[in-house]
Amino acid sequence: MNLMLIIVVLAALIGAWCLIRRTVEVPCDLDLEATQEHFHAHAVLRDVVIQEGDRVLLHGAPDRIPLGERRRLTTSATVAHASAPRRLLARLVGTTGITELYDVGFEG
């Protein structure tokens, strides 16, 4: 009985460790462009290192800009850091799923 209780408690602790994320709010520079030459949206986070499994939520970013316009603005972002098991899982899944990003062909 005591062994079963210990196993259940350990499983609950490991499950909680996988689900808990540490969050931090950081400043962010946005570079948005929708012109004939370029179409991009770059977010540069300051004072934080992003790793596998982390999630980033930008605050105050426009959902669209008119064609022919370029905007640069400073806003904030919330970064939710992944736990160690979640980071390991993201790394394993990411390396096996990388083959979906490219297509190799041989032509004669």
PDB file of N, CA and C in Angstrom:
ATOM      1  N   MET A   1       0.822  -1.194   0.000  1.00  0.00           N
ATOM      2  CA  MET A   1       0.000   0.000   0.000  1.00  0.00           C
ATOM      3  C   MET A   1       0.869   1.263   0.000  1.00  0.00           C
ATOM      4  N   ASN A   2       1.882   1.280   0.879  1.00  0.00           N
ATOM      5  CA  ASN A   2       2.770   2.445   0.948  1.00  0.00           C
ATOM      6  C   ASN A   2       3.561   2.616  -0.349  1.00  0.00           C
ATOM      7  N   LEU A   3       3.964   1.503  -0.961  1.00  0.00           N
ATOM      8  CA  LEU A   3       4.711   1.575  -2.210  1.00  0.00           C
ATOM      9  C   LEU A   3       3.844   2.158  -3.324  1.00  0.00           C
ATOM     10  N   MET A   4       2.586   1.768  -3.364  1.00  0.00           N
ATOM     11  CA  MET A   4       1.667   2.285  -4.376  1.00  0.00           C
ATOM     12  C   MET A   4       1.458   3.783  -4.187  1.00  0.00           C
ATOM     13  N   LEU A   5       1.340   4.243  -2.960  1.00  0.00           N
ATOM     14  CA  LEU A   5       1.167   5.662  -2.680  1.00  0.00           C
ATOM     15  C   LEU A   5       2.408   6.454  -3.113  1.00  0.00           C
ATOM     16  N   ILE A   6       3.580   5.913  -2.854  1.00  0.00           N
ATOM     17  CA  ILE A   6       4.815   6.574  -3.247  1.00  0.00           C
ATOM     18  C   ILE A   6       4.900   6.674  -4.771  1.00  0.00           C
ATOM     19  N   ILE A   7       4.520   5.622  -5.475  1.00  0.00           N
ATOM     20  CA  ILE A   7       4.543   5.629  -6.939  1.00  0.00           C
ATOM     21  C   ILE A   7       3.580   6.669  -7.491  1.00  0.00           C
ATOM     22  N   VAL A   8       2.391   6.759  -6.913  1.00  0.00           N
ATOM     23  CA  VAL A   8       1.387   7.729  -7.370  1.00  0.00           C
ATOM     24  C   VAL A   8       1.882   9.156  -7.128  1.00  0.00           C
ATOM     25  N   VAL A   9       2.469   9.408  -5.970  1.00  0.00           N
ATOM     26  CA  VAL A   9       2.974  10.744  -5.648  1.00  0.00           C
ATOM     27  C   VAL A   9       4.129  11.111  -6.583  1.00  0.00           C
ATOM     28  N   LEU A  10       5.035  10.184  -6.830  1.00  0.00           N
ATOM     29  CA  LEU A  10       6.144  10.449  -7.748  1.00  0.00           C
ATOM     30  C   LEU A  10       5.642  10.712  -9.166  1.00  0.00           C
ATOM     31  N   ALA A  11       4.662   9.947  -9.612  1.00  0.00           N
ATOM     32  CA  ALA A  11       4.101  10.161 -10.949  1.00  0.00           C
ATOM     33  C   ALA A  11       3.443  11.539 -11.039  1.00  0.00           C
ATOM     34  N   ALA A  12       2.742  11.944  -9.978  1.00  0.00           N
ATOM     35  CA  ALA A  12       2.107  13.269  -9.968  1.00  0.00           C
ATOM     36  C   ALA A  12       3.157  14.377  -9.989  1.00  0.00           C
ATOM     37  N   LEU A  13       4.235  14.214  -9.241  1.00  0.00           N
ATOM     38  CA  LEU A  13       5.297  15.215  -9.226  1.00  0.00           C
ATOM     39  C   LEU A  13       5.993  15.322 -10.585  1.00  0.00           C
ATOM     40  N   ILE A  14       6.256  14.194 -11.215  1.00  0.00           N
ATOM     41  CA  ILE A  14       6.888  14.215 -12.531  1.00  0.00           C
ATOM     42  C   ILE A  14       5.941  14.837 -13.558  1.00  0.00           C
ATOM     43  N   GLY A  15       4.653  14.517 -13.481  1.00  0.00           N
ATOM     44  CA  GLY A  15       3.674  15.115 -14.384  1.00  0.00           C
ATOM     45  C   GLY A  15       3.587  16.624 -14.203  1.00  0.00           C
ATOM     46  N   ALA A  16       3.593  17.085 -12.963  1.00  0.00           N
ATOM     47  CA  ALA A  16       3.552  18.523 -12.698  1.00  0.00           C
ATOM     48  C   ALA A  16       4.823  19.197 -13.200  1.00  0.00           C
ATOM     49  N   TRP A  17       5.963  18.549 -13.032  1.00  0.00           N
ATOM     50  CA  TRP A  17       7.231  19.101 -13.492  1.00  0.00           C
ATOM     51  C   TRP A  17       7.222  19.276 -15.008  1.00  0.00           C
ATOM     52  N   CYS A  18       6.581  18.346 -15.730  1.00  0.00           N
ATOM     53  CA  CYS A  18       6.502  18.446 -17.193  1.00  0.00           C
ATOM     54  C   CYS A  18       5.579  19.578 -17.626  1.00  0.00           C
ATOM     55  N   LEU A  19       4.546  19.875 -16.856  1.00  0.00           N
ATOM     56  CA  LEU A  19       3.538  20.850 -17.261  1.00  0.00           C
ATOM     57  C   LEU A  19       3.830  22.279 -16.822  1.00  0.00           C
ATOM     58  N   ILE A  20       4.584  22.451 -15.756  1.00  0.00           N
ATOM     59  CA  ILE A  20       4.832  23.792 -15.218  1.00  0.00           C
ATOM     60  C   ILE A  20       5.805  24.550 -16.113  1.00  0.00           C
ATOM     61  N   ARG A  21       5.486  25.817 -16.393  1.00  0.00           N
ATOM     62  CA  ARG A  21       6.353  26.686 -17.189  1.00  0.00           C
ATOM     63  C   ARG A  21       6.667  27.950 -16.390  1.00  0.00           C
ATOM     64  N   ARG A  22       7.918  28.376 -16.437  1.00  0.00           N
ATOM     65  CA  ARG A  22       8.336  29.623 -15.803  1.00  0.00           C
ATOM     66  C   ARG A  22       8.188  30.723 -16.843  1.00  0.00           C
ATOM     67  N   THR A  23       7.488  31.803 -16.503  1.00  0.00           N
ATOM     68  CA  THR A  23       7.260  32.878 -17.473  1.00  0.00           C
ATOM     69  C   THR A  23       8.033  34.129 -17.071  1.00  0.00           C
ATOM     70  N   VAL A  24       8.421  34.892 -18.095  1.00  0.00           N
ATOM     71  CA  VAL A  24       9.130  36.142 -17.893  1.00  0.00           C
ATOM     72  C   VAL A  24       8.693  37.101 -19.002  1.00  0.00           C
ATOM     73  N   GLU A  25       8.541  38.374 -18.657  1.00  0.00           N
ATOM     74  CA  GLU A  25       8.180  39.385 -19.651  1.00  0.00           C
ATOM     75  C   GLU A  25       9.432  40.175 -20.018  1.00  0.00           C
ATOM     76  N   VAL A  26       9.672  40.307 -21.339  1.00  0.00           N
ATOM     77  CA  VAL A  26      10.879  40.955 -21.841  1.00  0.00           C
ATOM     78  C   VAL A  26      10.517  41.981 -22.908  1.00  0.00           C
ATOM     79  N   PRO A  27      11.382  42.994 -23.120  1.00  0.00           N
ATOM     80  CA  PRO A  27      11.150  43.932 -24.230  1.00  0.00           C
ATOM     81  C   PRO A  27      11.428  43.239 -25.568  1.00  0.00           C
ATOM     82  N   CYS A  28      10.764  43.737 -26.605  1.00  0.00           N
ATOM     83  CA  CYS A  28      10.860  43.111 -27.917  1.00  0.00           C
ATOM     84  C   CYS A  28      10.833  44.179 -29.002  1.00  0.00           C
ATOM     85  N   ASP A  29      11.708  44.051 -29.994  1.00  0.00           N
ATOM     86  CA  ASP A  29      11.721  44.938 -31.156  1.00  0.00           C
ATOM     87  C   ASP A  29      11.082  44.209 -32.326  1.00  0.00           C
ATOM     88  N   LEU A  30      10.090  44.846 -32.952  1.00  0.00           N
ATOM     89  CA  LEU A  30       9.411  44.263 -34.104  1.00  0.00           C
ATOM     90  C   LEU A  30       9.788  45.002 -35.372  1.00  0.00           C
ATOM     91  N   ASP A  31      10.050  44.259 -36.422  1.00  0.00           N
ATOM     92  CA  ASP A  31      10.321  44.816 -37.741  1.00  0.00           C
ATOM     93  C   ASP A  31       9.341  44.154 -38.705  1.00  0.00           C
ATOM     94  N   LEU A  32       8.364  44.926 -39.180  1.00  0.00           N
ATOM     95  CA  LEU A  32       7.322  44.420 -40.074  1.00  0.00           C
ATOM     96  C   LEU A  32       7.443  45.129 -41.416  1.00  0.00           C
ATOM     97  N   GLU A  33       7.363  44.358 -42.503  1.00  0.00           N
ATOM     98  CA  GLU A  33       7.435  44.967 -43.827  1.00  0.00           C
ATOM     99  C   GLU A  33       6.567  44.178 -44.801  1.00  0.00           C
ATOM    100  N   ALA A  34       5.777  44.924 -45.591  1.00  0.00           N
ATOM    101  CA  ALA A  34       4.934  44.336 -46.636  1.00  0.00           C
ATOM    102  C   ALA A  34       5.064  45.197 -47.885  1.00  0.00           C
ATOM    103  N   THR A  35       6.228  45.118 -48.538  1.00  0.00           N
ATOM    104  CA  THR A  35       6.480  45.899 -49.746  1.00  0.00           C
ATOM    105  C   THR A  35       6.695  44.947 -50.917  1.00  0.00           C
ATOM    106  N   GLN A  36       6.905  45.516 -52.089  1.00  0.00           N
ATOM    107  CA  GLN A  36       7.178  44.699 -53.276  1.00  0.00           C
ATOM    108  C   GLN A  36       8.491  43.929 -53.119  1.00  0.00           C
ATOM    109  N   GLU A  37       9.459  44.521 -52.431  1.00  0.00           N
ATOM    110  CA  GLU A  37      10.776  43.899 -52.289  1.00  0.00           C
ATOM    111  C   GLU A  37      10.824  42.871 -51.159  1.00  0.00           C
ATOM    112  N   HIS A  38      10.131  43.166 -50.060  1.00  0.00           N
ATOM    113  CA  HIS A  38      10.219  42.300 -48.880  1.00  0.00           C
ATOM    114  C   HIS A  38       8.844  42.110 -48.251  1.00  0.00           C
ATOM    115  N   PHE A  39       8.663  40.923 -47.693  1.00  0.00           N
ATOM    116  CA  PHE A  39       7.459  40.620 -46.924  1.00  0.00           C
ATOM    117  C   PHE A  39       7.920  39.794 -45.731  1.00  0.00           C
ATOM    118  N   HIS A  40       8.041  40.440 -44.570  1.00  0.00           N
ATOM    119  CA  HIS A  40       8.551  39.722 -43.404  1.00  0.00           C
ATOM    120  C   HIS A  40       8.027  40.331 -42.108  1.00  0.00           C
ATOM    121  N   ALA A  41       8.180  39.545 -41.051  1.00  0.00           N
ATOM    122  CA  ALA A  41       7.895  39.981 -39.686  1.00  0.00           C
ATOM    123  C   ALA A  41       8.971  39.366 -38.793  1.00  0.00           C
ATOM    124  N   HIS A  42       9.830  40.214 -38.252  1.00  0.00           N
ATOM    125  CA  HIS A  42      10.911  39.752 -37.380  1.00  0.00           C
ATOM    126  C   HIS A  42      10.667  40.281 -35.968  1.00  0.00           C
ATOM    127  N   ALA A  43      10.810  39.406 -34.986  1.00  0.00           N
ATOM    128  CA  ALA A  43      10.718  39.783 -33.582  1.00  0.00           C
ATOM    129  C   ALA A  43      12.059  39.474 -32.921  1.00  0.00           C
ATOM    130  N   VAL A  44      12.679  40.479 -32.336  1.00  0.00           N
ATOM    131  CA  VAL A  44      13.969  40.308 -31.659  1.00  0.00           C
ATOM    132  C   VAL A  44      13.726  40.531 -30.171  1.00  0.00           C
ATOM    133  N   LEU A  45      13.862  39.456 -29.410  1.00  0.00           N
ATOM    134  CA  LEU A  45      13.656  39.524 -27.955  1.00  0.00           C
ATOM    135  C   LEU A  45      14.953  39.928 -27.284  1.00  0.00           C
ATOM    136  N   ARG A  46      14.839  40.797 -26.291  1.00  0.00           N
ATOM    137  CA  ARG A  46      16.023  41.255 -25.566  1.00  0.00           C
ATOM    138  C   ARG A  46      16.075  40.605 -24.186  1.00  0.00           C
ATOM    139  N   ASP A  47      17.269  40.350 -23.717  1.00  0.00           N
ATOM    140  CA  ASP A  47      17.520  39.878 -22.344  1.00  0.00           C
ATOM    141  C   ASP A  47      16.960  38.492 -22.059  1.00  0.00           C
ATOM    142  N   VAL A  48      16.851  37.626 -23.079  1.00  0.00           N
ATOM    143  CA  VAL A  48      16.348  36.277 -22.837  1.00  0.00           C
ATOM    144  C   VAL A  48      16.913  35.333 -23.898  1.00  0.00           C
ATOM    145  N   VAL A  49      17.105  34.089 -23.510  1.00  0.00           N
ATOM    146  CA  VAL A  49      17.553  33.054 -24.442  1.00  0.00           C
ATOM    147  C   VAL A  49      16.374  32.105 -24.672  1.00  0.00           C
ATOM    148  N   ILE A  50      16.024  31.911 -25.943  1.00  0.00           N
ATOM    149  CA  ILE A  50      14.923  31.025 -26.300  1.00  0.00           C
ATOM    150  C   ILE A  50      15.498  29.659 -26.640  1.00  0.00           C
ATOM    151  N   GLN A  51      14.890  28.600 -26.080  1.00  0.00           N
ATOM    152  CA  GLN A  51      15.351  27.241 -26.334  1.00  0.00           C
ATOM    153  C   GLN A  51      14.184  26.388 -26.815  1.00  0.00           C
ATOM    154  N   GLU A  52      14.452  25.118 -27.087  1.00  0.00           N
ATOM    155  CA  GLU A  52      13.432  24.211 -27.566  1.00  0.00           C
ATOM    156  C   GLU A  52      12.275  24.126 -26.571  1.00  0.00           C
ATOM    157  N   GLY A  53      11.059  24.156 -27.092  1.00  0.00           N
ATOM    158  CA  GLY A  53       9.876  23.996 -26.260  1.00  0.00           C
ATOM    159  C   GLY A  53       9.364  25.270 -25.625  1.00  0.00           C
ATOM    160  N   ASP A  54      10.118  26.371 -25.692  1.00  0.00           N
ATOM    161  CA  ASP A  54       9.662  27.635 -25.117  1.00  0.00           C
ATOM    162  C   ASP A  54       8.552  28.227 -25.991  1.00  0.00           C
ATOM    163  N   ARG A  55       7.669  28.993 -25.371  1.00  0.00           N
ATOM    164  CA  ARG A  55       6.595  29.672 -26.086  1.00  0.00           C
ATOM    165  C   ARG A  55       6.746  31.173 -25.917  1.00  0.00           C
ATOM    166  N   VAL A  56       6.455  31.906 -26.994  1.00  0.00           N
ATOM    167  CA  VAL A  56       6.569  33.360 -26.979  1.00  0.00           C
ATOM    168  C   VAL A  56       5.241  33.964 -27.385  1.00  0.00           C
ATOM    169  N   LEU A  57       4.758  34.920 -26.592  1.00  0.00           N
ATOM    170  CA  LEU A  57       3.525  35.643 -26.891  1.00  0.00           C
ATOM    171  C   LEU A  57       3.859  37.123 -26.990  1.00  0.00           C
ATOM    172  N   LEU A  58       3.659  37.710 -28.194  1.00  0.00           N
ATOM    173  CA  LEU A  58       3.934  39.129 -28.397  1.00  0.00           C
ATOM    174  C   LEU A  58       2.724  39.951 -27.968  1.00  0.00           C
ATOM    175  N   HIS A  59       2.981  41.080 -27.316  1.00  0.00           N
ATOM    176  CA  HIS A  59       1.913  41.976 -26.877  1.00  0.00           C
ATOM    177  C   HIS A  59       1.952  43.249 -27.727  1.00  0.00           C
ATOM    178  N   GLY A  60       0.804  43.693 -28.170  1.00  0.00           N
ATOM    179  CA  GLY A  60       0.719  44.957 -28.885  1.00  0.00           C
ATOM    180  C   GLY A  60       1.199  44.925 -30.319  1.00  0.00           C
ATOM    181  N   ALA A  61       1.351  43.743 -30.900  1.00  0.00           N
ATOM    182  CA  ALA A  61       1.782  43.656 -32.298  1.00  0.00           C
ATOM    183  C   ALA A  61       0.555  43.781 -33.200  1.00  0.00           C
ATOM    184  N   PRO A  62       0.655  44.555 -34.282  1.00  0.00           N
ATOM    185  CA  PRO A  62      -0.485  44.653 -35.196  1.00  0.00           C
ATOM    186  C   PRO A  62      -0.714  43.320 -35.902  1.00  0.00           C
ATOM    187  N   ASP A  63      -1.968  43.000 -36.178  1.00  0.00           N
ATOM    188  CA  ASP A  63      -2.241  41.735 -36.850  1.00  0.00           C
ATOM    189  C   ASP A  63      -2.039  41.837 -38.354  1.00  0.00           C
ATOM    190  N   ARG A  64      -2.014  43.051 -38.894  1.00  0.00           N
ATOM    191  CA  ARG A  64      -1.711  43.249 -40.320  1.00  0.00           C
ATOM    192  C   ARG A  64      -1.244  44.676 -40.531  1.00  0.00           C
ATOM    193  N   ILE A  65      -0.476  44.854 -41.600  1.00  0.00           N
ATOM    194  CA  ILE A  65      -0.082  46.194 -42.014  1.00  0.00           C
ATOM    195  C   ILE A  65      -0.439  46.335 -43.498  1.00  0.00           C
ATOM    196  N   PRO A  66      -0.728  47.548 -43.952  1.00  0.00           N
ATOM    197  CA  PRO A  66      -1.096  47.741 -45.362  1.00  0.00           C
ATOM    198  C   PRO A  66       0.069  47.429 -46.297  1.00  0.00           C
ATOM    199  N   LEU A  67      -0.256  46.998 -47.511  1.00  0.00           N
ATOM    200  CA  LEU A  67       0.773  46.731 -48.508  1.00  0.00           C
ATOM    201  C   LEU A  67       1.551  48.011 -48.801  1.00  0.00           C
ATOM    202  N   GLY A  68       2.850  47.859 -48.994  1.00  0.00           N
ATOM    203  CA  GLY A  68       3.710  48.994 -49.278  1.00  0.00           C
ATOM    204  C   GLY A  68       4.207  49.713 -48.035  1.00  0.00           C
ATOM    205  N   GLU A  69       3.983  49.142 -46.871  1.00  0.00           N
ATOM    206  CA  GLU A  69       4.359  49.822 -45.624  1.00  0.00           C
ATOM    207  C   GLU A  69       5.386  49.010 -44.852  1.00  0.00           C
ATOM    208  N   ARG A  70       6.214  49.735 -44.095  1.00  0.00           N
ATOM    209  CA  ARG A  70       7.188  49.115 -43.202  1.00  0.00           C
ATOM    210  C   ARG A  70       7.042  49.762 -41.834  1.00  0.00           C
ATOM    211  N   ARG A  71       7.001  48.944 -40.794  1.00  0.00           N
ATOM    212  CA  ARG A  71       6.886  49.458 -39.423  1.00  0.00           C
ATOM    213  C   ARG A  71       7.948  48.831 -38.540  1.00  0.00           C
ATOM    214  N   ARG A  72       8.501  49.670 -37.686  1.00  0.00           N
ATOM    215  CA  ARG A  72       9.410  49.207 -36.631  1.00  0.00           C
ATOM    216  C   ARG A  72       8.874  49.737 -35.326  1.00  0.00           C
ATOM    217  N   LEU A  73       8.664  48.863 -34.374  1.00  0.00           N
ATOM    218  CA  LEU A  73       8.143  49.292 -33.087  1.00  0.00           C
ATOM    219  C   LEU A  73       8.715  48.450 -31.974  1.00  0.00           C
ATOM    220  N   THR A  74       8.653  49.005 -30.775  1.00  0.00           N
ATOM    221  CA  THR A  74       9.115  48.312 -29.579  1.00  0.00           C
ATOM    222  C   THR A  74       7.898  47.963 -28.743  1.00  0.00           C
ATOM    223  N   THR A  75       7.834  46.723 -28.330  1.00  0.00           N
ATOM    224  CA  THR A  75       6.712  46.240 -27.531  1.00  0.00           C
ATOM    225  C   THR A  75       7.259  45.265 -26.485  1.00  0.00           C
ATOM    226  N   SER A  76       6.418  44.459 -25.900  1.00  0.00           N
ATOM    227  CA  SER A  76       6.873  43.472 -24.926  1.00  0.00           C
ATOM    228  C   SER A  76       6.398  42.089 -25.347  1.00  0.00           C
ATOM    229  N   ALA A  77       7.033  41.092 -24.775  1.00  0.00           N
ATOM    230  CA  ALA A  77       6.678  39.705 -25.066  1.00  0.00           C
ATOM    231  C   ALA A  77       6.755  38.904 -23.773  1.00  0.00           C
ATOM    232  N   THR A  78       5.882  37.917 -23.658  1.00  0.00           N
ATOM    233  CA  THR A  78       5.921  36.989 -22.531  1.00  0.00           C
ATOM    234  C   THR A  78       6.518  35.685 -23.023  1.00  0.00           C
ATOM    235  N   VAL A  79       7.593  35.241 -22.372  1.00  0.00           N
ATOM    236  CA  VAL A  79       8.265  33.993 -22.733  1.00  0.00           C
ATOM    237  C   VAL A  79       7.963  32.970 -21.647  1.00  0.00           C
ATOM    238  N   ALA A  80       7.399  31.831 -22.056  1.00  0.00           N
ATOM    239  CA  ALA A  80       7.130  30.724 -21.140  1.00  0.00           C
ATOM    240  C   ALA A  80       8.187  29.655 -21.399  1.00  0.00           C
ATOM    241  N   HIS A  81       9.125  29.529 -20.464  1.00  0.00           N
ATOM    242  CA  HIS A  81      10.216  28.568 -20.620  1.00  0.00           C
ATOM    243  C   HIS A  81       9.707  27.160 -20.340  1.00  0.00           C
ATOM    244  N   ALA A  82      10.131  26.211 -21.163  1.00  0.00           N
ATOM    245  CA  ALA A  82       9.741  24.815 -21.000  1.00  0.00           C
ATOM    246  C   ALA A  82      10.559  24.165 -19.892  1.00  0.00           C
ATOM    247  N   SER A  83       9.967  23.159 -19.260  1.00  0.00           N
ATOM    248  CA  SER A  83      10.697  22.384 -18.258  1.00  0.00           C
ATOM    249  C   SER A  83      11.675  21.449 -18.965  1.00  0.00           C
ATOM    250  N   ALA A  84      12.568  20.839 -18.216  1.00  0.00           N
ATOM    251  CA  ALA A  84      13.587  19.964 -18.806  1.00  0.00           C
ATOM    252  C   ALA A  84      12.982  18.789 -19.580  1.00  0.00           C
ATOM    253  N   PRO A  85      11.970  18.074 -19.057  1.00  0.00           N
ATOM    254  CA  PRO A  85      11.399  16.977 -19.855  1.00  0.00           C
ATOM    255  C   PRO A  85      10.710  17.477 -21.128  1.00  0.00           C
ATOM    256  N   ARG A  86      10.039  18.613 -21.046  1.00  0.00           N
ATOM    257  CA  ARG A  86       9.359  19.167 -22.215  1.00  0.00           C
ATOM    258  C   ARG A  86      10.384  19.618 -23.265  1.00  0.00           C
ATOM    259  N   ARG A  87      11.494  20.178 -22.814  1.00  0.00           N
ATOM    260  CA  ARG A  87      12.559  20.602 -23.729  1.00  0.00           C
ATOM    261  C   ARG A  87      13.172  19.391 -24.432  1.00  0.00           C
ATOM    262  N   LEU A  88      13.392  18.312 -23.694  1.00  0.00           N
ATOM    263  CA  LEU A  88      13.942  17.091 -24.286  1.00  0.00           C
ATOM    264  C   LEU A  88      12.975  16.515 -25.314  1.00  0.00           C
ATOM    265  N   LEU A  89      11.693  16.495 -25.000  1.00  0.00           N
ATOM    266  CA  LEU A  89      10.692  15.987 -25.936  1.00  0.00           C
ATOM    267  C   LEU A  89      10.645  16.848 -27.200  1.00  0.00           C
ATOM    268  N   ALA A  90      10.693  18.162 -27.041  1.00  0.00           N
ATOM    269  CA  ALA A  90      10.681  19.062 -28.205  1.00  0.00           C
ATOM    270  C   ALA A  90      11.922  18.839 -29.066  1.00  0.00           C
ATOM    271  N   ARG A  91      13.058  18.598 -28.444  1.00  0.00           N
ATOM    272  CA  ARG A  91      14.293  18.358 -29.191  1.00  0.00           C
ATOM    273  C   ARG A  91      14.202  17.052 -29.980  1.00  0.00           C
ATOM    274  N   LEU A  92      13.656  16.000 -29.355  1.00  0.00           N
ATOM    275  CA  LEU A  92      13.532  14.711 -30.036  1.00  0.00           C
ATOM    276  C   LEU A  92      12.534  14.787 -31.185  1.00  0.00           C
ATOM    277  N   VAL A  93      11.387  15.390 -30.950  1.00  0.00           N
ATOM    278  CA  VAL A  93      10.362  15.505 -31.990  1.00  0.00           C
ATOM    279  C   VAL A  93      10.847  16.426 -33.106  1.00  0.00           C
ATOM    280  N   GLY A  94      11.557  17.481 -32.755  1.00  0.00           N
ATOM    281  CA  GLY A  94      12.051  18.421 -33.754  1.00  0.00           C
ATOM    282  C   GLY A  94      13.072  17.803 -34.689  1.00  0.00           C
ATOM    283  N   THR A  95      13.949  16.958 -34.174  1.00  0.00           N
ATOM    284  CA  THR A  95      14.955  16.353 -35.041  1.00  0.00           C
ATOM    285  C   THR A  95      14.353  15.278 -35.928  1.00  0.00           C
ATOM    286  N   THR A  96      13.303  14.608 -35.482  1.00  0.00           N
ATOM    287  CA  THR A  96      12.678  13.596 -36.338  1.00  0.00           C
ATOM    288  C   THR A  96      11.736  14.235 -37.346  1.00  0.00           C
ATOM    289  N   GLY A  97      11.173  15.418 -37.039  1.00  0.00           N
ATOM    290  CA  GLY A  97      10.247  16.065 -37.951  1.00  0.00           C
ATOM    291  C   GLY A  97      10.902  17.017 -38.929  1.00  0.00           C
ATOM    292  N   ILE A  98      12.215  17.173 -38.862  1.00  0.00           N
ATOM    293  CA  ILE A  98      12.903  18.120 -39.744  1.00  0.00           C
ATOM    294  C   ILE A  98      12.817  17.702 -41.207  1.00  0.00           C
ATOM    295  N   THR A  99      12.653  16.407 -41.455  1.00  0.00           N
ATOM    296  CA  THR A  99      12.604  15.938 -42.844  1.00  0.00           C
ATOM    297  C   THR A  99      11.357  16.429 -43.561  1.00  0.00           C
ATOM    298  N   GLU A 100      10.343  16.871 -42.846  1.00  0.00           N
ATOM    299  CA  GLU A 100       9.146  17.411 -43.477  1.00  0.00           C
ATOM    300  C   GLU A 100       9.388  18.799 -44.063  1.00  0.00           C
ATOM    301  N   LEU A 101      10.478  19.446 -43.701  1.00  0.00           N
ATOM    302  CA  LEU A 101      10.749  20.801 -44.149  1.00  0.00           C
ATOM    303  C   LEU A 101      11.470  20.875 -45.488  1.00  0.00           C
ATOM    304  N   TYR A 102      11.992  19.783 -45.950  1.00  0.00           N
ATOM    305  CA  TYR A 102      12.706  19.829 -47.223  1.00  0.00           C
ATOM    306  C   TYR A 102      12.291  18.663 -48.111  1.00  0.00           C
ATOM    307  N   ASP A 103      12.525  18.837 -49.392  1.00  0.00           N
ATOM    308  CA  ASP A 103      12.199  17.828 -50.376  1.00  0.00           C
ATOM    309  C   ASP A 103      13.414  17.644 -51.266  1.00  0.00           C
ATOM    310  N   VAL A 104      13.899  16.443 -51.356  1.00  0.00           N
ATOM    311  CA  VAL A 104      15.074  16.162 -52.160  1.00  0.00           C
ATOM    312  C   VAL A 104      14.623  15.401 -53.401  1.00  0.00           C
ATOM    313  N   GLY A 105      15.073  15.863 -54.546  1.00  0.00           N
ATOM    314  CA  GLY A 105      14.726  15.183 -55.792  1.00  0.00           C
ATOM    315  C   GLY A 105      15.932  15.084 -56.700  1.00  0.00           C
ATOM    316  N   PHE A 106      15.924  14.085 -57.546  1.00  0.00           N
ATOM    317  CA  PHE A 106      17.006  13.905 -58.507  1.00  0.00           C
ATOM    318  C   PHE A 106      16.395  13.943 -59.894  1.00  0.00           C
ATOM    319  N   GLU A 107      16.916  14.830 -60.704  1.00  0.00           N
ATOM    320  CA  GLU A 107      16.416  14.949 -62.069  1.00  0.00           C
ATOM    321  C   GLU A 107      17.551  14.604 -63.027  1.00  0.00           C
ATOM    322  N   GLY A 108      17.177  13.990 -64.147  1.00  0.00           N
ATOM    323  CA  GLY A 108      18.193  13.567 -65.112  1.00  0.00           C
ATOM    324  C   GLY A 108      18.474  14.550 -66.185  1.00  0.00           C
TER     325      GLY A 108
END
